[in-house]
Amino acid sequence: MLARLLAELREGRLAPLPRHTFELDDAERAFRFMAQARHAGKVVVRHGAAAPGAIHRAGTYLVTGGLSGLGLVVARWLAERGAGRLVLVSRRGVTPEVAPLLQAICATGTQVVTEAVDVSDEAAVRALLERLRADGPPLRGVVHSAGVLDDAGLLQQDAARFDHVFGPKVRGAWLLDRLTRSDPLDWFVLFSSVAAVLGSRGQANHSAANALLDLLAHERQNRGLPGLSINWGAWTEVGAAANHRLAQRLATQGIGALTPPQGLLAFERLLKQGEAQVAVLPIDWKRYVQQLALGAPPSFLAGVASAAAAPVTLVKTGSINAAPVAGLRQQLDASPPGRWRPLVAGFVRERALRALGVDLSRTVDPRTPLGDLGLDSLLAVELRNTLGLALGHSLPATLLFDYPTIDALTDYLLANVVKPATPDRSGADVDTEQPASLVGAIEDLSDEEVDRLLARRTRPLG
C-alpha cells in the first residue's frame, strides 16, 4: 500500500495535504493561526529553511516557452544565479537563432535540457516530468511563460480562437499545477499579462486566459502551495513591444515598457515576497486614466487616479475628450464657413496620427490611405470610437472602410456631423463617391454590413 501511495504521489494522481508555512521568528502567528482551526492541512514552522526564492545548484528548473521571448531571458538569469539544471520547453524546439544563446547559458556551468513538448498535452507533460524525476536533481521551480495570441474584435472572437489561446496558456498551467504537486517546489511562477487587469482591445481571449492564471496562483496559495502570477506589462527588446510602432502606441496611453534588467530585478524581488499576484509595468496613471474613453475611471482605478501627483480632471459629458471638442466647436462658431474645413481637417489629422502612434510633426499627405501608415482593423475600430466619442456622435462601423484617408474623413464629418448635409430635393438615390482603397475593419462588420457594402460597390452606374 505504501509503495502504491508513493507512486501515486509521484505521478500527481494524489496530492499531499496543503501546507501553511511560517518562519521560526513568526511562530507566535503560526500558533494563533492553528488555534483558529480554520485551515485544512498542516501548519509548518520552518527552522533554518532556505531563503525564499533561492536558486539551487542541486535543483531543476522548468521553463515553458523557454526557447524564446521572456522565457529565454529568465532562463539565462536562472543560470547566472546558479541553477543546476534548466529544462527549456517549447513546441518548436531549438531554432538556429537560439543555439548560440544556449551555448552561452551552458558556459555558466548549468546543464541545459531542451524539450519539444506541447504543454497542453497531458500525456506529453506527464512523460516529461517522469523523465526529469528519474534522472537529475529534484524539480525546485517552475516558470510558465508559454502562450500564443489570436487577436480579433470582440464580435469575431469564437470558440476556436479561445481554444487556440487557452491551450498553452490555461491548460498548460493547469497540467503543471496538477502534475507537480508531489515535487519539492520552492516557487511556481505564472507569466500573466496586464491585459488581465486593464483589458486590451482585440484580446478578449488573451485577457481571459491570463485572468485564469491569476486565479490559479491564488488557489495554489490557498492550498498551501507556492504560487505567483505576474501581470507583466510590455518589455523592450523582447516580444511584441520590441516593435517600435507598438511602443509608441503604448506611450500615448501613458504606458511604458520594462527593460530586461528592470524586469529581471522585479522578478527576483517577487520570488522573495510571497505574494499571489502582482502587476509590473511603468505607467503614468493620470495620463492613462485621462485617455480612457470614459466619463469616470473604473472603480478599481479610482484610487490610483486620485493618488496621482496632479489632479485628474474628468468631465461628465460621456467623454473626457469633450474639452478639445468644445474648443473645436467654438472655433467653428467663431469662423466663417470657408474656414471650417481646415479646422476639421486639423482635428481629424491630430486624432488619426495619435491613434497610429505617428509623430504629429511628421508631414502626411491627407490623401494617403491610413493603411499605409499602419492602420489595421483593430486600430480602425479604436480610431472610429475615438472620433465618435470626441464628437458626441455615433459613427458607422464602416467609417474607416468607406473613408480611409484624412481628406475623406474630413469630408464625411463636415457633411454629416459638423454641418448636416442638405437633403436632396430631387428624391434621387445619390451615391457618395467611394474611395478606391479599402482599408479598415472589414472583419469587424456583420455579414449583413459586408453584403450591403459589396452590393453598393458592384451596383452598375446609371
Protein backbone atom coordinates (compact mmCIF):
# COMPACT_ATOMS: atom_id res chain seq x y z
CA MET A 1 0.00 0.00 0.00
CA LEU A 2 2.84 2.40 0.85
CA ALA A 3 4.53 1.69 -2.48
CA ARG A 4 1.28 2.37 -4.34
CA LEU A 5 0.66 5.61 -2.44
CA LEU A 6 4.20 6.83 -3.10
CA ALA A 7 3.81 6.05 -6.80
CA GLU A 8 0.50 7.93 -6.99
CA LEU A 9 2.00 10.92 -5.21
CA ARG A 10 5.00 10.87 -7.53
CA GLU A 11 2.76 10.72 -10.62
CA GLY A 12 0.49 13.50 -9.38
CA ARG A 13 -2.63 11.35 -9.03
CA LEU A 14 -2.59 12.08 -5.31
CA ALA A 15 -1.67 15.44 -3.85
CA PRO A 16 -0.16 15.99 -0.40
CA LEU A 17 -2.17 17.93 2.15
CA PRO A 18 -1.91 21.73 1.90
CA ARG A 19 0.84 23.33 3.98
CA HIS A 20 0.67 26.72 5.67
CA THR A 21 4.31 27.59 6.31
CA PHE A 22 5.71 30.07 8.83
CA GLU A 23 9.29 31.01 9.65
CA LEU A 24 10.57 30.33 13.17
CA ASP A 25 10.52 34.04 14.02
CA ASP A 26 6.81 34.02 13.17
CA ALA A 27 5.93 31.04 15.40
CA GLU A 28 3.51 33.08 17.54
CA ARG A 29 1.36 33.86 14.48
CA ALA A 30 1.58 30.19 13.45
CA PHE A 31 0.10 29.03 16.76
CA ARG A 32 -2.59 31.71 16.63
CA PHE A 33 -3.47 30.58 13.09
CA MET A 34 -3.67 26.93 14.23
CA ALA A 35 -5.83 27.86 17.25
CA GLN A 36 -8.44 29.42 14.98
CA ALA A 37 -8.98 25.97 13.40
CA ARG A 38 -9.97 27.40 10.04
CA HIS A 39 -7.27 25.76 7.98
CA ALA A 40 -7.04 22.47 6.09
CA GLY A 41 -3.80 20.51 6.05
CA LYS A 42 -0.68 21.13 8.05
CA VAL A 43 0.77 24.17 9.80
CA VAL A 44 4.55 24.10 9.40
CA VAL A 45 7.15 26.14 11.31
CA ARG A 46 10.45 26.13 9.43
CA HIS A 47 13.82 26.35 11.12
CA GLY A 48 16.91 27.11 9.06
CA ALA A 49 14.96 26.97 5.80
CA ALA A 50 16.39 28.25 2.55
CA ALA A 51 15.70 31.87 1.76
CA PRO A 52 12.50 32.43 -0.28
CA GLY A 53 13.23 32.48 -3.99
CA ALA A 54 16.57 30.72 -3.59
CA ILE A 55 18.13 29.16 -6.70
CA HIS A 56 19.86 25.83 -6.02
CA ARG A 57 22.77 24.23 -7.78
CA ALA A 58 21.20 20.90 -6.81
CA GLY A 59 17.88 21.81 -8.38
CA THR A 60 15.99 21.53 -11.66
CA TYR A 61 14.05 24.49 -13.06
CA LEU A 62 11.39 24.04 -15.72
CA VAL A 63 10.63 26.97 -18.05
CA THR A 64 7.82 26.61 -20.57
CA GLY A 65 8.18 28.89 -23.57
CA GLY A 66 11.82 28.74 -22.54
CA LEU A 67 13.33 28.92 -26.02
CA SER A 68 12.06 32.37 -26.95
CA GLY A 69 10.92 35.69 -25.54
CA LEU A 70 10.68 36.24 -21.79
CA GLY A 71 11.19 32.53 -21.10
CA LEU A 72 14.67 32.59 -22.62
CA VAL A 73 15.57 35.82 -20.80
CA VAL A 74 14.54 34.28 -17.46
CA ALA A 75 16.36 31.03 -18.28
CA ARG A 76 19.62 32.89 -18.72
CA TRP A 77 19.02 34.75 -15.45
CA LEU A 78 18.44 31.45 -13.61
CA ALA A 79 21.70 30.08 -14.98
CA GLU A 80 23.58 33.17 -13.83
CA ARG A 81 22.07 32.68 -10.35
CA GLY A 82 23.42 29.13 -10.12
CA ALA A 83 20.59 26.87 -11.28
CA GLY A 84 21.89 23.30 -11.56
CA ARG A 85 19.67 22.14 -14.42
CA LEU A 86 17.38 24.07 -16.75
CA VAL A 87 14.65 22.32 -18.72
CA LEU A 88 13.51 24.63 -21.52
CA VAL A 89 10.27 23.58 -23.17
CA SER A 90 8.90 24.81 -26.48
CA ARG A 91 6.64 23.37 -29.15
CA ARG A 92 9.16 24.20 -31.90
CA GLY A 93 12.31 23.01 -30.15
CA VAL A 94 15.70 24.64 -30.70
CA THR A 95 15.96 27.03 -33.65
CA PRO A 96 19.26 28.14 -35.26
CA GLU A 97 18.83 31.62 -33.76
CA VAL A 98 18.60 30.25 -30.22
CA ALA A 99 21.52 27.79 -30.37
CA PRO A 100 24.27 30.38 -29.61
CA LEU A 101 22.30 31.66 -26.60
CA LEU A 102 22.01 28.15 -25.24
CA GLN A 103 25.76 27.69 -25.57
CA ALA A 104 26.26 30.88 -23.53
CA ILE A 105 23.95 29.51 -20.82
CA CYS A 106 25.83 26.20 -20.73
CA ALA A 107 29.07 28.16 -20.27
CA THR A 108 27.82 29.23 -16.83
CA GLY A 109 28.01 25.62 -15.67
CA THR A 110 24.28 24.97 -15.82
CA GLN A 111 23.06 21.80 -17.51
CA VAL A 112 20.54 22.71 -20.22
CA VAL A 113 17.90 20.26 -21.42
CA THR A 114 15.65 21.30 -24.31
CA GLU A 115 12.35 19.56 -24.97
CA ALA A 116 9.88 19.96 -27.85
CA VAL A 117 6.65 19.48 -25.89
CA ASP A 118 3.10 20.78 -26.26
CA VAL A 119 2.30 21.83 -22.69
CA SER A 120 -1.42 21.39 -23.34
CA ASP A 121 -0.86 17.65 -23.98
CA GLU A 122 -1.30 15.83 -20.66
CA ALA A 123 0.47 12.65 -21.75
CA ALA A 124 3.47 14.61 -23.04
CA VAL A 125 3.76 16.73 -19.87
CA ARG A 126 3.38 13.70 -17.61
CA ALA A 127 6.09 11.82 -19.54
CA LEU A 128 8.41 14.84 -19.37
CA LEU A 129 8.06 15.11 -15.58
CA GLU A 130 8.64 11.38 -15.14
CA ARG A 131 11.88 11.63 -17.14
CA LEU A 132 13.05 14.57 -15.03
CA ARG A 133 12.32 12.78 -11.75
CA ALA A 134 14.10 9.64 -12.91
CA ASP A 135 17.37 11.42 -13.62
CA GLY A 136 18.90 14.58 -12.20
CA PRO A 137 18.28 16.92 -9.27
CA PRO A 138 14.70 17.42 -8.00
CA LEU A 139 12.36 19.94 -9.54
CA ARG A 140 12.55 23.11 -7.41
CA GLY A 141 10.94 25.77 -9.60
CA VAL A 142 8.51 26.25 -12.50
CA VAL A 143 8.12 29.27 -14.79
CA HIS A 144 5.16 29.01 -17.14
CA SER A 145 5.63 31.60 -19.89
CA ALA A 146 4.21 29.68 -22.86
CA GLY A 147 1.43 31.34 -24.80
CA VAL A 148 0.09 32.39 -28.19
CA LEU A 149 -2.02 35.30 -29.42
CA ASP A 150 -5.08 35.18 -31.67
CA ASP A 151 -6.34 38.76 -31.78
CA ALA A 152 -9.67 39.86 -33.23
CA GLY A 153 -12.52 42.23 -32.47
CA LEU A 154 -14.98 41.02 -29.85
CA LEU A 155 -17.65 40.04 -32.37
CA GLN A 156 -15.10 37.94 -34.28
CA GLN A 157 -13.89 36.03 -31.21
CA ASP A 158 -15.20 32.47 -31.30
CA ALA A 159 -14.60 29.12 -29.60
CA ALA A 160 -11.76 28.23 -31.95
CA ARG A 161 -9.86 31.44 -31.16
CA PHE A 162 -10.38 30.94 -27.42
CA ASP A 163 -9.22 27.31 -27.66
CA HIS A 164 -6.11 28.40 -29.57
CA VAL A 165 -5.10 30.80 -26.78
CA PHE A 166 -6.34 28.77 -23.82
CA GLY A 167 -4.47 25.59 -24.83
CA PRO A 168 -0.87 26.53 -23.96
CA LYS A 169 -1.74 29.29 -21.52
CA VAL A 170 -4.53 27.85 -19.35
CA ARG A 171 -4.47 24.08 -19.89
CA GLY A 172 -0.68 24.11 -19.75
CA ALA A 173 -0.77 25.91 -16.39
CA TRP A 174 -3.46 23.60 -15.04
CA LEU A 175 -1.48 20.50 -16.01
CA LEU A 176 1.72 21.83 -14.45
CA ASP A 177 -0.18 22.67 -11.27
CA ARG A 178 -1.75 19.24 -11.01
CA LEU A 179 1.25 17.17 -12.05
CA THR A 180 3.93 18.87 -9.91
CA ARG A 181 2.18 18.77 -6.54
CA SER A 182 4.43 15.95 -5.36
CA ASP A 183 7.62 17.85 -6.25
CA PRO A 184 9.52 19.91 -3.62
CA LEU A 185 8.89 23.25 -5.36
CA ASP A 186 10.24 26.44 -3.84
CA TRP A 187 8.23 28.54 -6.29
CA PHE A 188 5.69 28.19 -9.10
CA VAL A 189 5.50 31.29 -11.30
CA LEU A 190 2.90 32.03 -13.96
CA PHE A 191 3.66 34.72 -16.52
CA SER A 192 0.36 36.52 -16.87
CA SER A 193 -0.31 39.82 -18.61
CA VAL A 194 -1.50 43.23 -17.50
CA ALA A 195 -4.26 42.67 -20.09
CA ALA A 196 -5.99 40.63 -17.38
CA VAL A 197 -6.05 43.72 -15.15
CA LEU A 198 -6.56 46.64 -17.53
CA GLY A 199 -8.02 44.86 -20.55
CA SER A 200 -6.74 45.06 -24.11
CA ARG A 201 -8.70 45.84 -27.26
CA GLY A 202 -8.94 42.88 -29.59
CA GLN A 203 -7.60 40.47 -26.96
CA ALA A 204 -10.64 39.21 -25.07
CA ASN A 205 -9.32 35.63 -25.24
CA HIS A 206 -5.83 36.66 -24.12
CA SER A 207 -7.20 38.75 -21.24
CA ALA A 208 -9.48 35.94 -20.05
CA ALA A 209 -6.71 33.33 -20.25
CA ASN A 210 -4.37 35.43 -18.14
CA ALA A 211 -7.11 36.15 -15.60
CA LEU A 212 -7.41 32.40 -15.11
CA LEU A 213 -3.67 32.19 -14.42
CA ASP A 214 -4.15 34.83 -11.72
CA LEU A 215 -6.91 32.76 -10.13
CA LEU A 216 -4.74 29.63 -10.24
CA ALA A 217 -1.96 31.37 -8.32
CA HIS A 218 -4.42 32.42 -5.60
CA GLU A 219 -5.88 28.91 -5.48
CA ARG A 220 -2.43 27.36 -5.07
CA GLN A 221 -1.62 29.65 -2.17
CA ASN A 222 -4.94 28.79 -0.56
CA ARG A 223 -3.84 25.15 -0.70
CA GLY A 224 -0.54 25.99 0.97
CA LEU A 225 1.40 25.59 -2.29
CA PRO A 226 3.77 28.15 -3.79
CA GLY A 227 2.07 30.23 -6.43
CA LEU A 228 2.77 33.61 -8.06
CA SER A 229 1.14 35.20 -11.09
CA ILE A 230 2.94 38.22 -12.56
CA ASN A 231 0.83 40.52 -14.73
CA TRP A 232 3.66 41.73 -16.93
CA GLY A 233 3.46 44.90 -18.95
CA ALA A 234 5.47 45.28 -22.15
CA TRP A 235 9.22 44.63 -22.25
CA THR A 236 11.67 46.34 -24.57
CA GLU A 237 13.83 44.18 -26.84
CA VAL A 238 11.62 41.15 -26.19
CA GLY A 239 8.26 40.17 -27.64
CA ALA A 240 5.71 42.29 -29.47
CA ALA A 241 6.59 45.50 -27.64
CA ALA A 242 10.02 45.47 -29.27
CA ASN A 243 8.08 46.71 -32.31
CA HIS A 244 8.73 50.47 -32.33
CA ARG A 245 5.24 51.38 -33.52
CA LEU A 246 3.56 49.39 -30.75
CA ALA A 247 5.83 51.01 -28.16
CA GLN A 248 4.78 54.43 -29.48
CA ARG A 249 1.11 53.49 -29.22
CA LEU A 250 1.52 52.37 -25.62
CA ALA A 251 3.41 55.56 -24.80
CA THR A 252 0.46 57.69 -25.99
CA GLN A 253 -1.65 55.87 -23.37
CA GLY A 254 0.82 56.62 -20.59
CA ILE A 255 2.18 53.05 -20.56
CA GLY A 256 5.91 52.50 -20.74
CA ALA A 257 7.95 49.34 -21.24
CA LEU A 258 10.32 47.49 -18.93
CA THR A 259 13.91 46.97 -19.94
CA PRO A 260 15.14 43.40 -19.40
CA PRO A 261 17.25 44.41 -16.36
CA GLN A 262 14.22 46.12 -14.80
CA GLY A 263 12.00 43.12 -15.44
CA LEU A 264 14.52 40.66 -14.01
CA LEU A 265 15.01 42.79 -10.92
CA ALA A 266 11.25 42.79 -10.36
CA PHE A 267 11.15 39.03 -10.93
CA GLU A 268 13.88 38.44 -8.34
CA ARG A 269 12.14 40.59 -5.74
CA LEU A 270 8.76 38.96 -6.31
CA LEU A 271 10.20 35.48 -5.81
CA LYS A 272 11.08 36.53 -2.28
CA GLN A 273 7.86 38.33 -1.33
CA GLY A 274 5.30 35.54 -1.27
CA GLU A 275 2.50 37.45 -3.00
CA ALA A 276 -0.03 35.57 -5.13
CA GLN A 277 -0.47 38.22 -7.83
CA VAL A 278 1.42 41.38 -8.75
CA ALA A 279 1.20 43.61 -11.83
CA VAL A 280 4.51 45.05 -13.04
CA LEU A 281 4.60 47.89 -15.55
CA PRO A 282 5.74 51.50 -15.76
CA ILE A 283 2.64 53.66 -16.12
CA ASP A 284 1.59 57.30 -15.81
CA TRP A 285 -1.75 56.72 -14.09
CA LYS A 286 -3.02 60.24 -14.64
CA ARG A 287 -2.36 60.06 -18.36
CA TYR A 288 -3.72 56.54 -18.62
CA VAL A 289 -7.00 57.37 -16.88
CA GLN A 290 -7.43 60.54 -18.92
CA GLN A 291 -7.06 58.72 -22.24
CA LEU A 292 -9.76 56.21 -21.34
CA ALA A 293 -12.93 56.88 -23.29
CA LEU A 294 -14.99 57.07 -20.10
CA GLY A 295 -16.73 59.73 -18.10
CA ALA A 296 -15.03 58.45 -14.94
CA PRO A 297 -12.34 55.88 -14.23
CA PRO A 298 -13.39 52.30 -13.45
CA SER A 299 -13.90 51.83 -9.72
CA PHE A 300 -10.71 49.78 -9.30
CA LEU A 301 -8.73 52.66 -10.85
CA ALA A 302 -10.37 55.42 -8.82
CA GLY A 303 -7.77 55.09 -6.07
CA VAL A 304 -4.73 55.29 -8.30
CA ALA A 305 -6.26 58.14 -10.27
CA SER A 306 -6.88 60.19 -7.15
CA ALA A 307 -3.40 59.37 -5.87
CA ALA A 308 -1.70 60.83 -8.95
CA ALA A 309 0.62 63.75 -8.33
CA ALA A 310 -1.66 66.13 -10.21
CA PRO A 311 -5.45 66.03 -10.03
CA VAL A 312 -7.28 64.21 -12.81
CA THR A 313 -9.95 66.42 -14.36
CA LEU A 314 -12.87 64.39 -15.62
CA VAL A 315 -15.87 65.94 -17.32
CA LYS A 316 -19.36 64.44 -17.13
CA THR A 317 -20.26 64.60 -20.78
CA GLY A 318 -19.71 60.94 -21.58
CA SER A 319 -16.16 61.56 -22.79
CA ILE A 320 -13.02 63.04 -21.29
CA ASN A 321 -12.24 64.31 -24.78
CA ALA A 322 -15.10 66.80 -24.62
CA ALA A 323 -12.85 69.77 -23.81
CA PRO A 324 -10.89 69.64 -27.10
CA VAL A 325 -14.17 69.18 -28.98
CA ALA A 326 -15.73 72.18 -27.27
CA GLY A 327 -12.70 74.16 -28.39
CA LEU A 328 -13.20 72.97 -31.98
CA ARG A 329 -16.87 73.92 -31.96
CA GLN A 330 -16.09 77.34 -30.53
CA GLN A 331 -13.58 77.85 -33.32
CA LEU A 332 -16.16 76.78 -35.89
CA ASP A 333 -18.78 79.10 -34.43
CA ALA A 334 -16.32 81.99 -34.49
CA SER A 335 -15.13 81.29 -38.03
CA PRO A 336 -16.75 81.79 -41.42
CA PRO A 337 -17.83 78.57 -43.19
CA GLY A 338 -14.86 78.95 -45.52
CA ARG A 339 -12.54 78.19 -42.58
CA TRP A 340 -14.43 75.14 -41.33
CA ARG A 341 -12.69 72.58 -43.48
CA PRO A 342 -9.10 73.30 -42.37
CA LEU A 343 -10.22 73.31 -38.74
CA VAL A 344 -11.94 69.93 -39.03
CA ALA A 345 -9.06 68.53 -41.11
CA GLY A 346 -6.57 69.53 -38.41
CA PHE A 347 -8.73 67.86 -35.76
CA VAL A 348 -9.02 64.62 -37.79
CA ARG A 349 -5.30 64.61 -38.57
CA GLU A 350 -4.33 65.00 -34.90
CA ARG A 351 -6.69 62.22 -33.75
CA ALA A 352 -5.64 59.85 -36.53
CA LEU A 353 -1.90 60.31 -36.01
CA ARG A 354 -2.23 59.90 -32.25
CA ALA A 355 -4.15 56.65 -32.71
CA LEU A 356 -1.48 55.41 -35.11
CA GLY A 357 1.39 56.46 -32.85
CA VAL A 358 2.80 58.72 -35.59
CA ASP A 359 4.81 61.83 -34.68
CA LEU A 360 2.47 64.83 -35.02
CA SER A 361 5.28 66.86 -36.58
CA ARG A 362 5.54 64.41 -39.46
CA THR A 363 4.30 65.62 -42.84
CA VAL A 364 1.49 63.36 -44.02
CA ASP A 365 -0.36 63.68 -47.31
CA PRO A 366 -4.08 63.87 -46.34
CA ARG A 367 -4.87 61.74 -49.41
CA THR A 368 -2.65 58.88 -48.20
CA PRO A 369 -4.66 55.82 -47.10
CA LEU A 370 -4.23 55.42 -43.37
CA GLY A 371 -3.49 51.75 -44.01
CA ASP A 372 -0.18 52.86 -45.49
CA LEU A 373 0.63 54.44 -42.13
CA GLY A 374 -0.07 51.25 -40.19
CA LEU A 375 -3.85 51.27 -39.71
CA ASP A 376 -5.13 47.75 -39.11
CA SER A 377 -8.61 46.52 -38.28
CA LEU A 378 -8.25 46.97 -34.51
CA LEU A 379 -6.81 50.48 -34.86
CA ALA A 380 -9.64 51.33 -37.27
CA VAL A 381 -12.18 50.44 -34.59
CA GLU A 382 -10.20 52.40 -31.99
CA LEU A 383 -9.99 55.49 -34.20
CA ARG A 384 -13.67 55.34 -35.10
CA ASN A 385 -14.60 55.08 -31.41
CA THR A 386 -12.23 57.92 -30.51
CA LEU A 387 -13.71 60.25 -33.15
CA GLY A 388 -17.28 59.29 -32.27
CA LEU A 389 -16.82 59.77 -28.53
CA ALA A 390 -14.94 63.01 -29.03
CA LEU A 391 -17.65 64.43 -31.29
CA GLY A 392 -20.51 63.04 -29.25
CA HIS A 393 -21.90 61.45 -32.40
CA SER A 394 -22.44 57.82 -33.37
CA LEU A 395 -20.30 56.89 -36.36
CA PRO A 396 -20.92 53.93 -38.69
CA ALA A 397 -18.98 50.69 -38.26
CA THR A 398 -17.80 51.05 -41.87
CA LEU A 399 -16.33 54.53 -41.36
CA LEU A 400 -12.67 53.66 -41.96
CA PHE A 401 -13.65 51.21 -44.69
CA ASP A 402 -15.53 53.89 -46.65
CA TYR A 403 -13.33 56.88 -45.77
CA PRO A 404 -9.75 55.63 -45.30
CA THR A 405 -7.90 58.97 -45.69
CA ILE A 406 -7.76 62.17 -43.66
CA ASP A 407 -9.35 64.06 -46.55
CA ALA A 408 -12.20 61.56 -46.88
CA LEU A 409 -12.85 61.53 -43.12
CA THR A 410 -12.86 65.32 -43.07
CA ASP A 411 -15.42 65.49 -45.88
CA TYR A 412 -17.64 62.95 -44.15
CA LEU A 413 -17.56 64.75 -40.79
CA LEU A 414 -18.25 68.12 -42.42
CA ALA A 415 -21.23 66.74 -44.31
CA ASN A 416 -22.73 64.51 -41.61
CA VAL A 417 -21.59 65.67 -38.18
CA VAL A 418 -20.33 69.24 -38.10
CA LYS A 419 -22.70 70.51 -40.82
CA PRO A 420 -25.58 68.14 -41.64
CA ALA A 421 -25.95 67.63 -45.35
CA THR A 422 -28.76 69.44 -47.18
CA PRO A 423 -31.46 66.89 -48.15
CA ASP A 424 -31.62 66.01 -51.82
CA ARG A 425 -34.92 67.52 -53.01
CA SER A 426 -34.98 65.51 -56.23
CA GLY A 427 -35.62 62.35 -54.25
CA ALA A 428 -32.91 60.56 -56.22
CA ASP A 429 -30.77 57.94 -54.55
CA VAL A 430 -27.47 59.81 -54.57
CA ASP A 431 -24.48 57.57 -54.03
CA THR A 432 -21.43 59.21 -52.50
CA GLU A 433 -18.12 58.57 -54.19
CA GLN A 434 -16.32 55.66 -52.55
CA PRO A 435 -12.56 55.69 -52.08
CA ALA A 436 -10.61 53.25 -54.19
CA SER A 437 -8.53 51.99 -51.29
CA LEU A 438 -10.40 49.62 -48.99
CA VAL A 439 -8.72 49.94 -45.61
CA GLY A 440 -10.29 49.28 -42.25
CA ALA A 441 -12.21 46.91 -40.10
CA ILE A 442 -13.99 44.63 -42.56
CA GLU A 443 -13.57 41.72 -40.18
CA ASP A 444 -15.39 43.74 -37.54
CA LEU A 445 -18.52 44.03 -39.70
CA SER A 446 -21.55 41.80 -39.56
CA ASP A 447 -22.42 39.64 -42.55
CA GLU A 448 -25.29 42.00 -43.38
CA GLU A 449 -22.98 45.03 -43.42
CA VAL A 450 -20.49 43.27 -45.68
CA ASP A 451 -23.29 42.25 -48.07
CA ARG A 452 -24.53 45.83 -48.15
CA LEU A 453 -21.08 47.19 -48.94
CA LEU A 454 -20.48 44.65 -51.70
CA ALA A 455 -23.86 45.33 -53.23
CA ARG A 456 -23.21 49.07 -53.24
CA ARG A 457 -19.77 48.66 -54.79
CA THR A 458 -20.93 46.28 -57.52
CA ARG A 459 -24.11 48.23 -58.41
CA PRO A 460 -23.98 49.37 -62.09
CA LEU A 461 -23.69 53.12 -62.58
CA GLY A 462 -26.58 54.94 -64.27
